[in-house]
N, C-alpha and C. Protein backbone atom coordinates (compact mmCIF):
# COMPACT_ATOMS: atom_id res chain seq x y z
N MET A 1 0.88 -1.08 -0.08
CA MET A 1 0.01 0.08 -0.02
C MET A 1 0.92 1.21 0.01
N LYS A 2 0.50 2.16 -0.88
CA LYS A 2 1.20 3.52 -0.91
C LYS A 2 0.31 4.62 -0.40
N LYS A 3 0.98 5.53 0.31
CA LYS A 3 0.14 6.64 0.87
C LYS A 3 1.01 7.93 0.69
N THR A 4 0.38 9.09 0.64
CA THR A 4 1.15 10.45 0.48
C THR A 4 0.57 11.25 1.68
N TYR A 5 1.64 11.87 2.41
CA TYR A 5 1.21 12.65 3.60
C TYR A 5 1.74 14.08 3.45
N LYS A 6 0.93 15.02 3.89
CA LYS A 6 1.46 16.52 4.02
C LYS A 6 2.43 16.52 5.07
N ILE A 7 3.53 17.24 4.87
CA ILE A 7 4.55 17.49 5.87
C ILE A 7 4.86 18.90 6.09
N GLU A 8 5.65 19.24 7.11
CA GLU A 8 6.20 20.61 7.22
C GLU A 8 7.64 20.31 7.66
N VAL A 9 8.55 20.80 6.64
CA VAL A 9 9.90 20.63 6.86
C VAL A 9 10.61 21.90 6.37
N ASP A 10 11.66 22.40 7.04
CA ASP A 10 12.30 23.75 6.72
C ASP A 10 13.22 23.77 5.59
N CYS A 11 14.00 22.74 5.31
CA CYS A 11 14.96 22.70 4.18
C CYS A 11 15.11 21.40 3.44
N ALA A 12 15.76 21.45 2.38
CA ALA A 12 15.87 20.22 1.57
C ALA A 12 16.87 19.21 2.33
N ALA A 13 17.86 19.63 3.02
CA ALA A 13 18.73 18.77 3.73
C ALA A 13 17.96 18.06 4.86
N CYS A 14 17.03 18.87 5.58
CA CYS A 14 16.22 18.22 6.53
C CYS A 14 15.27 17.19 5.92
N ALA A 15 14.71 17.50 4.73
CA ALA A 15 13.76 16.56 4.09
C ALA A 15 14.55 15.21 3.82
N GLN A 16 15.83 15.30 3.42
CA GLN A 16 16.71 14.09 3.14
C GLN A 16 16.88 13.36 4.39
N LYS A 17 17.07 13.99 5.52
CA LYS A 17 17.35 13.28 6.84
C LYS A 17 16.07 12.62 7.19
N MET A 18 14.87 13.23 7.00
CA MET A 18 13.69 12.59 7.35
C MET A 18 13.41 11.32 6.45
N GLU A 19 13.73 11.46 5.18
CA GLU A 19 13.63 10.35 4.24
C GLU A 19 14.42 9.18 4.74
N ASP A 20 15.76 9.42 5.01
CA ASP A 20 16.63 8.41 5.48
C ASP A 20 16.16 7.75 6.75
N ALA A 21 15.64 8.50 7.76
CA ALA A 21 15.09 7.93 8.94
C ALA A 21 13.87 7.10 8.76
N ALA A 22 13.03 7.52 7.85
CA ALA A 22 11.78 6.81 7.49
C ALA A 22 12.13 5.45 6.87
N LYS A 23 13.09 5.34 5.97
CA LYS A 23 13.43 4.10 5.33
C LYS A 23 13.94 3.19 6.28
N LYS A 24 14.35 3.50 7.42
CA LYS A 24 14.91 2.58 8.33
C LYS A 24 13.95 1.88 9.29
N ILE A 25 12.70 2.37 9.17
CA ILE A 25 11.49 1.91 10.04
C ILE A 25 10.95 0.56 9.60
N GLU A 26 10.80 -0.31 10.55
CA GLU A 26 10.27 -1.58 10.15
C GLU A 26 8.74 -1.35 9.77
N GLY A 27 8.40 -1.98 8.66
CA GLY A 27 7.13 -1.70 8.07
C GLY A 27 7.03 -0.84 6.88
N VAL A 28 8.19 -0.04 6.64
CA VAL A 28 8.38 0.89 5.52
C VAL A 28 9.03 0.22 4.58
N LYS A 29 8.48 0.02 3.37
CA LYS A 29 9.16 -0.57 2.13
C LYS A 29 10.00 0.39 1.38
N GLU A 30 9.47 1.61 1.25
CA GLU A 30 10.11 2.77 0.58
C GLU A 30 9.47 4.08 1.04
N ALA A 31 10.41 5.03 1.12
CA ALA A 31 9.88 6.44 1.51
C ALA A 31 10.57 7.51 0.79
N THR A 32 9.94 8.40 0.29
CA THR A 32 10.45 9.58 -0.37
C THR A 32 9.88 10.91 0.30
N VAL A 33 10.82 11.96 0.45
CA VAL A 33 10.25 13.16 1.06
C VAL A 33 10.69 14.26 0.12
N SER A 34 9.75 15.15 -0.19
CA SER A 34 9.98 16.34 -1.19
C SER A 34 9.78 17.59 -0.36
N PHE A 35 10.94 18.32 -0.32
CA PHE A 35 10.86 19.57 0.35
C PHE A 35 10.00 20.59 -0.44
N MET A 36 10.14 20.52 -1.81
CA MET A 36 9.52 21.37 -2.78
C MET A 36 7.88 21.27 -2.65
N THR A 37 7.39 20.09 -2.55
CA THR A 37 6.01 19.90 -2.55
C THR A 37 5.50 19.78 -1.03
N GLN A 38 6.35 19.61 -0.15
CA GLN A 38 6.06 19.36 1.33
C GLN A 38 5.23 18.12 1.41
N LYS A 39 5.69 17.07 0.84
CA LYS A 39 5.01 15.76 0.91
C LYS A 39 5.89 14.58 1.15
N MET A 40 5.42 13.59 1.86
CA MET A 40 6.15 12.31 2.03
C MET A 40 5.34 11.21 1.55
N LYS A 41 5.94 10.43 0.70
CA LYS A 41 5.34 9.35 0.02
C LYS A 41 5.90 8.00 0.76
N VAL A 42 4.99 7.21 1.19
CA VAL A 42 5.45 5.96 1.93
C VAL A 42 4.76 4.78 1.31
N GLU A 43 5.52 3.75 0.98
CA GLU A 43 5.11 2.47 0.67
C GLU A 43 5.35 1.46 1.79
N PHE A 44 4.23 0.89 2.22
CA PHE A 44 4.20 -0.02 3.37
C PHE A 44 4.41 -1.41 3.00
N GLU A 45 5.05 -2.12 3.78
CA GLU A 45 5.22 -3.60 3.66
C GLU A 45 3.83 -4.23 3.86
N ASP A 46 3.59 -5.38 3.27
CA ASP A 46 2.26 -6.12 3.32
C ASP A 46 1.91 -6.26 4.87
N GLU A 47 0.64 -6.19 5.10
CA GLU A 47 0.06 -6.48 6.47
C GLU A 47 0.43 -5.62 7.55
N GLN A 48 0.90 -4.34 7.24
CA GLN A 48 1.37 -3.40 8.25
C GLN A 48 0.22 -2.51 8.62
N ASP A 49 0.17 -2.11 9.97
CA ASP A 49 -0.79 -1.11 10.54
C ASP A 49 -0.20 0.28 10.17
N GLU A 50 -0.82 0.96 9.28
CA GLU A 50 -0.34 2.24 8.73
C GLU A 50 -0.19 3.14 9.87
N GLN A 51 -1.21 3.42 10.77
CA GLN A 51 -1.06 4.30 11.80
C GLN A 51 0.09 4.02 12.77
N LYS A 52 0.27 2.83 13.16
CA LYS A 52 1.39 2.48 14.04
C LYS A 52 2.70 2.68 13.46
N VAL A 53 2.82 2.38 12.20
CA VAL A 53 4.13 2.51 11.48
C VAL A 53 4.42 4.09 11.36
N MET A 54 3.32 4.85 11.01
CA MET A 54 3.53 6.28 10.84
C MET A 54 3.88 7.00 12.10
N LYS A 55 3.39 6.48 13.24
CA LYS A 55 3.73 7.09 14.51
C LYS A 55 5.27 6.89 14.81
N THR A 56 5.76 5.72 14.44
CA THR A 56 7.16 5.30 14.61
C THR A 56 8.01 6.18 13.61
N VAL A 57 7.48 6.38 12.46
CA VAL A 57 8.20 7.20 11.46
C VAL A 57 8.36 8.67 11.97
N LEU A 58 7.13 9.19 12.41
CA LEU A 58 7.41 10.51 13.08
C LEU A 58 8.31 10.68 14.18
N LYS A 59 8.44 9.70 15.08
CA LYS A 59 9.36 9.73 16.17
C LYS A 59 10.70 9.72 15.65
N ALA A 60 10.97 8.89 14.66
CA ALA A 60 12.36 8.80 14.01
C ALA A 60 12.65 10.08 13.37
N CYS A 61 11.75 10.76 12.59
CA CYS A 61 12.01 11.92 11.84
C CYS A 61 12.23 13.09 12.86
N ARG A 62 11.57 13.05 14.02
CA ARG A 62 11.81 14.13 15.02
C ARG A 62 13.17 14.02 15.67
N LYS A 63 13.69 12.80 15.68
CA LYS A 63 15.12 12.61 16.27
C LYS A 63 16.06 13.29 15.36
N VAL A 64 15.95 13.38 14.10
CA VAL A 64 16.85 14.04 13.18
C VAL A 64 16.45 15.48 12.85
N GLU A 65 15.17 15.73 13.01
CA GLU A 65 14.63 17.16 12.67
C GLU A 65 13.53 17.40 13.62
N PRO A 66 13.87 17.98 14.82
CA PRO A 66 12.79 18.12 15.88
C PRO A 66 11.68 18.94 15.53
N ASP A 67 11.75 19.84 14.66
CA ASP A 67 10.47 20.68 14.47
C ASP A 67 9.73 20.29 13.15
N CYS A 68 9.95 19.07 12.62
CA CYS A 68 9.18 18.58 11.53
C CYS A 68 7.84 18.12 11.92
N GLU A 69 6.95 18.06 10.89
CA GLU A 69 5.60 17.51 11.20
C GLU A 69 5.16 16.71 10.11
N ILE A 70 4.44 15.63 10.32
CA ILE A 70 3.91 14.74 9.41
C ILE A 70 2.33 14.66 9.68
N PHE A 71 1.48 14.94 8.88
CA PHE A 71 0.06 15.00 9.07
C PHE A 71 -0.56 13.71 8.49
N PHE A 72 -0.73 12.63 9.49
CA PHE A 72 -1.31 11.34 9.00
C PHE A 72 -2.54 11.02 9.84
N GLU A 73 -3.01 11.70 10.65
CA GLU A 73 -4.21 11.44 11.47
C GLU A 73 -5.44 12.36 10.99
């Protein structure tokens, strides 16, 4: 399953850090973050709970970029 989320991120370098962090999360097959469009695209592995995975993604992203936001609820 693929989903697109609106995000808030301050710079392209920060977006890259968020993308790298998201890709390391269990349940995420692929992730891309675009600073220009302020969107994150996530492809989930089969049988994953989207909300649970995205909460973990948000925590990981905030470790590398504390003021970022992902709107998934």
